[in-house]
Amino acid sequence: MTFDDYRGGSTRRVGGDPRADSFGSTNVTRRAFLKLSALAAVPLLLPKAPVAAYLDRDALLSDPPPASLGRIATWWRQAIREEPSEGAKALAWKSRDDLVPLYASVTGEAPWPTNPVWYQTEGGYIHSGYVQPVENQSQGVISEVAPPGFWAQVSVPWAEARTSPASAYVLHKLYYGTVYRVVAVVSDDGGNAWYQLKEGVSPWRSGPYVLASTLRPIPPEALAPISQGHPDKWIQIDLAAQRLTCLEGDVAVFSTSISSGHRATATPRGEFRVLYKRHARRMTMSGIADPYDLPGVPFVVYFTWRGVAIHGTYWHNDYGRVHSHGCVNATPDAAQWIYRWVDPVAPYEAYTTDADPAEAGTRIVVV
């Protein structure tokens, strides 16, 4: 099977860590996934939760969900409520990595001013802020991997990275939308194909193995440059509005909500240039109050030597307010578009692409 057998990642025009460097859990069974898939396919057959008096019924039912499933992406529980309001009765509680079917996106009562979006799910409504929209899409297998490998994105709610094919020991959960370089394919004793990963988990050596069916190859055309050679590309990041806009001269060509740094770890203001880019990065930080270890952070565009970057995010879904340690969080789809658009152009085979000092990277203005 070749790259031509796959559809590339799509983007829409909508308007960490510096240089140092399975799906399968006790929460969800295969049977549970089949049940969720069936539920998502026939949402109109299910009873609807009560509609709050202040909501327009047509608007409530007209917006499709961003994906068929949602994964709880935070360590604290999330409530399914009778109405799309923080004050409504809690009917059930969901914990990290629980999955819920998504039937509609609803504008309800915002628990904080920047995000009034709720998802209609089985039995009620759940606020969108910490529900990652995901799909469960098993993939075909590329049977031969030529050096230096190919880039791939997790296409199920999570894949399990193991020390060796079919090993009982799980090193990491690799979440939907994260990106890795595949450097080899092997089969276990049962005939199941496994991809061996490198960048995105470890940039220095080949790393763990994941079931090949859980990763979607990203073909070169899905990472090809956009508006290559335009003489006046620049990005404005508006911290007050929590919005990033890509411009060509005075014309805005792309805009998206973002999440910048908290007050204690604020995104720096000023004028910068893209310094270097990486298709994927494992971002880690220890020795702080909230340490983190985030494999497969997708489409990273660095603009300070201290590691401040624009990148895709999978640990929250609450764009429009601050969340980060200084970086600029965007959805994986938005980050992919930005990565392709900014200079320098990143060759498909590259892990790190540096801006040429003589031809500075795209200008970034943070206000």
Protein backbone atom coordinates (compact mmCIF):
# COMPACT_ATOMS: atom_id res chain seq x y z
CA MET A 1 0.00 0.00 0.00
CA THR A 2 1.35 3.43 -0.89
CA PHE A 3 0.69 6.95 0.28
CA ASP A 4 -1.71 7.36 -2.66
CA ASP A 5 -4.12 5.06 -0.84
CA TYR A 6 -4.64 7.66 1.90
CA ARG A 7 -6.37 11.00 2.04
CA GLY A 8 -4.10 13.72 3.34
CA GLY A 9 -4.89 15.78 6.41
CA SER A 10 -7.19 18.67 5.59
CA THR A 11 -7.01 22.30 6.63
CA ARG A 12 -9.49 25.10 6.51
CA ARG A 13 -9.10 28.80 6.00
CA VAL A 14 -11.00 29.94 9.04
CA GLY A 15 -11.61 33.43 9.10
CA GLY A 16 7.46 23.76 25.41
CA ASP A 17 10.31 22.57 25.21
CA PRO A 18 13.40 24.09 23.49
CA ARG A 19 15.96 22.20 21.44
CA ALA A 20 17.01 19.92 24.31
CA ASP A 21 14.77 17.47 23.93
CA SER A 22 -3.67 1.74 22.30
CA PHE A 23 -5.81 1.93 22.19
CA GLY A 24 -6.80 -0.37 24.94
CA SER A 25 -7.33 0.49 28.58
CA THR A 26 -9.53 -0.57 31.42
CA ASN A 27 -11.86 2.32 30.56
CA VAL A 28 -13.04 1.15 27.14
CA THR A 29 -13.43 -2.24 25.54
CA ARG A 30 -13.83 -3.08 21.88
CA ARG A 31 -17.48 -3.85 22.58
CA ALA A 32 -17.90 -0.43 24.15
CA PHE A 33 -16.44 1.19 21.04
CA LEU A 34 -18.82 -0.67 18.78
CA LYS A 35 -21.67 0.47 20.97
CA LEU A 36 -20.50 4.08 20.82
CA SER A 37 -20.13 3.92 17.05
CA ALA A 38 -23.65 2.61 16.69
CA LEU A 39 -24.99 5.32 18.96
CA ALA A 40 -23.22 8.03 17.02
CA ALA A 41 -24.73 6.76 13.78
CA VAL A 42 -28.35 7.09 14.97
CA PRO A 43 -28.51 10.09 17.31
CA LEU A 44 -32.00 11.09 16.20
CA LEU A 45 -33.41 7.83 17.52
CA LEU A 46 -32.34 8.64 21.06
CA PRO A 47 -34.36 10.73 23.50
CA LYS A 48 -33.13 14.30 23.76
CA ALA A 49 -32.18 15.89 27.04
CA PRO A 50 -34.36 18.82 28.13
CA VAL A 51 -33.66 22.07 26.31
CA ALA A 52 -32.96 25.12 28.43
CA ALA A 53 -35.55 27.86 28.07
CA TYR A 54 -33.00 30.45 27.00
CA LEU A 55 -31.78 28.40 24.03
CA ASP A 56 -33.18 28.49 20.53
CA ARG A 57 -34.21 24.94 19.69
CA ASP A 58 -33.33 25.21 16.00
CA ALA A 59 -29.86 26.50 16.83
CA LEU A 60 -29.43 23.74 19.37
CA LEU A 61 -30.03 20.98 16.84
CA SER A 62 -28.45 22.55 13.74
CA ASP A 63 -24.73 22.51 14.58
CA PRO A 64 -22.99 19.20 13.86
CA PRO A 65 -20.42 17.86 16.31
CA PRO A 66 -16.71 18.28 15.50
CA ALA A 67 -16.21 14.49 15.64
CA SER A 68 -18.23 11.38 16.40
CA LEU A 69 -16.61 10.82 19.81
CA GLY A 70 -15.18 12.88 22.64
CA ARG A 71 -12.35 11.88 24.99
CA ILE A 72 -12.15 13.34 28.49
CA ALA A 73 -8.74 15.02 28.36
CA THR A 74 -8.28 16.19 31.94
CA TRP A 75 -7.52 14.51 35.24
CA TRP A 76 -10.60 15.90 36.98
CA ARG A 77 -14.11 14.60 36.39
CA GLN A 78 -16.48 16.18 33.89
CA ALA A 79 -20.23 16.27 34.36
CA ILE A 80 -22.94 15.31 31.92
CA ARG A 81 -25.70 17.77 32.78
CA GLU A 82 -29.42 17.90 32.19
CA GLU A 83 -29.08 21.17 30.28
CA PRO A 84 -26.10 22.98 28.69
CA SER A 85 -25.45 25.02 31.81
CA GLU A 86 -23.00 24.70 34.70
CA GLY A 87 -25.92 25.19 37.08
CA ALA A 88 -27.96 22.32 35.63
CA LYS A 89 -28.33 19.00 37.41
CA ALA A 90 -25.39 16.58 36.97
CA LEU A 91 -26.72 13.28 35.65
CA ALA A 92 -23.40 11.42 35.32
CA TRP A 93 -19.67 11.97 35.69
CA LYS A 94 -16.89 11.05 33.28
CA SER A 95 -13.21 10.54 34.10
CA ARG A 96 -9.98 10.91 32.13
CA ASP A 97 -9.96 8.92 28.87
CA ASP A 98 -13.63 8.00 29.13
CA LEU A 99 -15.30 8.29 25.73
CA VAL A 100 -18.69 9.81 24.97
CA PRO A 101 -20.62 9.95 21.69
CA LEU A 102 -21.06 13.48 20.32
CA TYR A 103 -24.38 14.31 18.66
CA ALA A 104 -24.32 18.11 18.31
CA SER A 105 -22.47 21.29 19.27
CA VAL A 106 -24.65 23.60 21.35
CA THR A 107 -24.25 27.21 22.40
CA GLY A 108 -25.27 27.18 26.05
CA GLU A 109 -24.49 28.95 29.29
CA ALA A 110 -20.72 29.52 29.49
CA PRO A 111 -19.04 28.33 32.72
CA TRP A 112 -16.43 30.99 31.90
CA PRO A 113 -16.88 33.90 29.48
CA THR A 114 -14.75 32.62 26.61
CA ASN A 115 -16.37 29.25 25.89
CA PRO A 116 -20.17 28.73 25.72
CA VAL A 117 -19.87 25.54 23.61
CA TRP A 118 -21.36 22.30 24.93
CA TYR A 119 -21.67 18.91 23.29
CA GLN A 120 -24.91 17.00 23.28
CA THR A 121 -24.13 13.42 24.26
CA GLU A 122 -25.93 10.35 25.51
CA GLY A 123 -28.19 11.46 28.34
CA GLY A 124 -27.42 15.18 28.37
CA TYR A 125 -24.74 17.80 27.73
CA ILE A 126 -21.03 18.04 28.52
CA HIS A 127 -18.97 21.22 28.31
CA SER A 128 -16.44 21.20 25.47
CA GLY A 129 -13.45 22.67 27.31
CA TYR A 130 -11.83 19.37 28.30
CA VAL A 131 -13.41 17.04 25.76
CA GLN A 132 -11.06 16.27 22.88
CA PRO A 133 -13.01 15.54 19.67
CA VAL A 134 -11.74 12.20 18.34
CA GLU A 135 -12.53 9.49 15.82
CA ASN A 136 -11.97 5.75 15.89
CA GLN A 137 -10.64 5.07 12.39
CA SER A 138 -8.64 1.89 11.85
CA GLN A 139 -6.08 2.17 9.03
CA GLY A 140 -4.55 0.00 6.39
CA VAL A 141 -0.89 -0.94 6.73
CA ILE A 142 2.16 0.19 4.76
CA SER A 143 4.09 -3.06 4.41
CA GLU A 144 7.54 -1.60 3.67
CA VAL A 145 9.16 1.48 5.21
CA ALA A 146 12.06 3.05 3.35
CA PRO A 147 14.53 5.31 5.22
CA PRO A 148 14.11 7.80 6.74
CA GLY A 149 10.49 6.69 7.25
CA PHE A 150 7.23 8.58 7.03
CA TRP A 151 5.12 10.80 9.26
CA ALA A 152 1.92 9.42 10.74
CA GLN A 153 -0.88 10.65 12.99
CA VAL A 154 -2.84 8.69 15.58
CA SER A 155 -6.31 8.00 14.15
CA VAL A 156 -7.99 6.37 17.17
CA PRO A 157 -8.73 7.90 20.59
CA TRP A 158 -5.35 6.61 21.75
CA ALA A 159 -2.72 4.09 20.72
CA GLU A 160 -0.51 2.19 23.15
CA ALA A 161 3.26 2.52 22.67
CA ARG A 162 4.95 -0.70 23.80
CA THR A 163 8.59 -1.67 24.31
CA SER A 164 8.31 -4.41 21.66
CA PRO A 165 5.54 -5.78 19.44
CA ALA A 166 2.79 -7.37 21.56
CA SER A 167 4.69 -6.57 24.78
CA ALA A 168 2.59 -6.43 27.94
CA TYR A 169 4.33 -3.21 29.02
CA VAL A 170 2.84 0.09 27.84
CA LEU A 171 5.29 3.00 27.77
CA HIS A 172 2.90 5.76 26.69
CA LYS A 173 -0.61 6.45 25.60
CA LEU A 174 -0.36 8.25 22.27
CA TYR A 175 -3.45 10.38 21.80
CA TYR A 176 -5.56 11.16 18.76
CA GLY A 177 -3.99 13.75 16.47
CA THR A 178 -0.43 13.34 17.75
CA VAL A 179 2.32 12.90 15.16
CA TYR A 180 5.35 10.57 14.94
CA ARG A 181 7.89 9.37 12.41
CA VAL A 182 7.48 5.70 11.51
CA VAL A 183 10.87 4.10 10.82
CA ALA A 184 10.05 0.38 10.54
CA VAL A 185 7.20 -2.13 10.32
CA VAL A 186 7.32 -5.60 11.89
CA SER A 187 4.84 -8.38 12.60
CA ASP A 188 4.24 -10.21 15.86
CA ASP A 189 3.70 -13.95 16.23
CA GLY A 190 -0.01 -13.48 15.59
CA GLY A 191 0.55 -11.73 12.28
CA ASN A 192 -0.36 -8.25 13.54
CA ALA A 193 1.64 -5.37 12.01
CA TRP A 194 3.40 -2.90 14.30
CA TYR A 195 5.07 0.39 13.43
CA GLN A 196 8.28 1.40 15.20
CA LEU A 197 8.40 5.12 16.03
CA LYS A 198 11.20 7.62 16.39
CA GLU A 199 10.70 11.42 16.34
CA GLY A 200 7.72 12.50 18.40
CA VAL A 201 8.78 10.02 21.08
CA SER A 202 12.59 10.04 20.86
CA PRO A 203 14.67 12.11 18.42
CA TRP A 204 17.91 10.19 19.06
CA ARG A 205 17.04 6.53 18.57
CA SER A 206 14.25 4.32 17.34
CA GLY A 207 11.63 3.98 20.00
CA PRO A 208 8.52 1.99 20.89
CA TYR A 209 6.04 0.07 18.77
CA VAL A 210 2.33 0.71 18.14
CA LEU A 211 -0.26 -1.27 16.21
CA ALA A 212 -0.01 -0.09 12.61
CA SER A 213 -3.79 0.08 12.28
CA THR A 214 -3.93 2.94 14.81
CA LEU A 215 -1.78 5.40 12.81
CA ARG A 216 -2.79 7.24 9.63
CA PRO A 217 0.17 7.97 7.32
CA ILE A 218 0.53 11.63 6.38
CA PRO A 219 1.50 11.86 2.69
CA PRO A 220 3.96 14.53 1.52
CA GLU A 221 1.26 16.54 -0.24
CA ALA A 222 -0.55 17.03 3.08
CA LEU A 223 2.57 18.81 4.38
CA ALA A 224 3.41 20.73 1.20
CA PRO A 225 4.00 24.49 1.59
CA ILE A 226 1.13 26.96 1.21
CA SER A 227 1.69 30.29 -0.60
CA GLN A 228 5.37 29.49 -0.99
CA GLY A 229 7.46 32.53 -1.92
CA HIS A 230 4.94 35.19 -0.89
CA PRO A 231 7.08 38.22 0.01
CA ASP A 232 5.09 39.58 2.95
CA LYS A 233 3.78 36.81 5.19
CA TRP A 234 3.38 37.63 8.85
CA ILE A 235 1.43 36.45 11.90
CA GLN A 236 -0.35 38.54 14.48
CA ILE A 237 -1.04 36.94 17.87
CA ASP A 238 -3.53 39.01 19.87
CA LEU A 239 -3.23 37.94 23.51
CA ALA A 240 -6.26 39.94 24.65
CA ALA A 241 -8.47 38.35 22.00
CA GLN A 242 -6.66 34.97 22.20
CA ARG A 243 -6.53 34.87 18.43
CA LEU A 244 -3.87 34.14 15.81
CA THR A 245 -4.17 35.59 12.31
CA CYS A 246 -1.97 34.83 9.28
CA LEU A 247 -1.64 37.72 6.85
CA GLU A 248 -0.21 38.21 3.39
CA GLY A 249 0.44 41.91 3.34
CA ASP A 250 -2.76 43.45 4.66
CA VAL A 251 -4.95 40.47 3.74
CA ALA A 252 -5.88 37.97 6.44
CA VAL A 253 -5.76 34.47 4.95
CA PHE A 254 -6.27 32.35 8.07
CA SER A 255 -7.44 32.97 11.63
CA THR A 256 -7.99 30.73 14.63
CA SER A 257 -8.64 30.88 18.36
CA ILE A 258 -5.62 30.01 20.50
CA SER A 259 -4.58 29.55 24.11
CA SER A 260 -1.48 31.42 25.23
CA GLY A 261 0.51 31.38 28.47
CA HIS A 262 -0.79 31.88 31.99
CA ARG A 263 0.23 35.07 33.80
CA ALA A 264 3.12 33.32 35.56
CA THR A 265 4.35 31.83 32.27
CA ALA A 266 3.09 34.48 29.87
CA THR A 267 3.68 34.35 26.13
CA PRO A 268 6.21 37.13 25.45
CA ARG A 269 5.03 40.22 23.60
CA GLY A 270 7.06 41.78 20.83
CA GLU A 271 8.24 41.05 17.31
CA PHE A 272 9.86 37.71 16.52
CA ARG A 273 10.81 35.51 13.60
CA VAL A 274 10.27 31.81 13.04
CA LEU A 275 13.56 30.24 14.13
CA TYR A 276 12.95 26.57 13.38
CA LYS A 277 10.17 24.04 12.86
CA ARG A 278 9.55 20.40 13.77
CA HIS A 279 6.88 18.10 12.43
CA ALA A 280 6.48 16.64 15.91
CA ARG A 281 8.03 16.96 19.34
CA ARG A 282 7.89 15.22 22.69
CA MET A 283 7.63 18.09 25.18
CA THR A 284 8.60 17.49 28.79
CA MET A 285 9.10 19.58 31.90
CA SER A 286 9.93 18.44 35.43
CA GLY A 287 10.72 20.22 38.67
CA ILE A 288 7.68 22.49 38.44
CA ALA A 289 4.33 22.50 40.21
CA ASP A 290 2.59 20.88 37.23
CA PRO A 291 5.18 18.75 35.39
CA TYR A 292 4.26 17.31 32.01
CA ASP A 293 5.35 14.72 29.47
CA LEU A 294 3.59 15.18 26.12
CA PRO A 295 4.60 12.86 23.26
CA GLY A 296 3.77 13.67 19.66
CA VAL A 297 2.98 17.39 19.97
CA PRO A 298 2.18 18.15 16.32
CA PHE A 299 3.43 20.84 13.93
CA VAL A 300 5.70 22.93 16.15
CA VAL A 301 6.82 26.40 15.01
CA TYR A 302 9.44 27.89 17.37
CA PHE A 303 9.89 31.64 17.58
CA THR A 304 12.08 32.13 20.68
CA TRP A 305 15.28 30.36 21.70
CA ARG A 306 13.66 29.57 25.06
CA GLY A 307 11.29 27.19 23.28
CA VAL A 308 8.14 29.30 22.88
CA ALA A 309 6.26 27.91 19.89
CA ILE A 310 2.96 27.64 18.08
CA HIS A 311 1.81 24.01 18.09
CA GLY A 312 -1.13 21.64 18.05
CA THR A 313 -2.74 20.62 21.35
CA TYR A 314 -4.62 17.54 22.56
CA TRP A 315 -4.75 18.00 26.37
CA HIS A 316 -7.59 20.54 26.27
CA ASN A 317 -10.22 21.86 23.85
CA ASP A 318 -10.70 25.28 25.41
CA TYR A 319 -9.27 27.79 22.96
CA GLY A 320 -9.96 31.43 23.66
CA ARG A 321 -8.40 31.65 27.14
CA VAL A 322 -4.92 31.13 28.60
CA HIS A 323 -3.74 27.59 29.31
CA SER A 324 -0.08 27.14 28.50
CA HIS A 325 3.42 27.49 29.92
CA GLY A 326 4.12 30.19 27.33
CA CYS A 327 3.50 28.45 24.01
CA VAL A 328 0.60 29.22 21.67
CA ASN A 329 -1.84 26.30 21.63
CA ALA A 330 -4.00 25.68 18.55
CA THR A 331 -6.03 22.75 17.26
CA PRO A 332 -3.95 20.15 15.40
CA ASP A 333 -5.65 21.06 12.10
CA ALA A 334 -4.94 24.78 12.59
CA ALA A 335 -1.34 24.06 13.63
CA GLN A 336 -0.82 21.96 10.50
CA TRP A 337 -2.04 24.81 8.27
CA ILE A 338 0.22 27.33 10.02
CA TYR A 339 3.19 24.94 9.84
CA ARG A 340 2.77 24.58 6.08
CA TRP A 341 2.31 28.31 5.51
CA VAL A 342 5.16 29.83 7.51
CA ASP A 343 8.75 30.03 6.30
CA PRO A 344 11.13 28.27 6.28
CA VAL A 345 9.72 25.49 4.13
CA ALA A 346 10.17 22.14 5.89
CA PRO A 347 11.24 19.20 3.68
CA TYR A 348 9.06 16.15 4.32
CA GLU A 349 12.05 14.07 5.44
CA ALA A 350 13.34 16.65 7.95
CA TYR A 351 12.89 16.55 11.70
CA THR A 352 14.26 20.05 12.37
CA THR A 353 14.16 22.80 9.74
CA ASP A 354 16.12 25.94 10.65
CA ALA A 355 15.46 29.36 9.20
CA ASP A 356 18.30 30.65 7.02
CA PRO A 357 19.90 33.63 8.82
CA ALA A 358 20.13 35.39 5.46
CA GLU A 359 16.45 34.79 4.74
CA ALA A 360 14.70 35.22 8.06
CA GLY A 361 11.68 33.10 8.95
CA THR A 362 8.15 34.45 8.92
CA ARG A 363 7.61 37.50 11.14
CA ILE A 364 5.45 37.00 14.25
CA VAL A 365 4.02 40.00 16.12
CA VAL A 366 2.63 39.29 19.59
CA VAL A 367 0.49 42.12 20.97
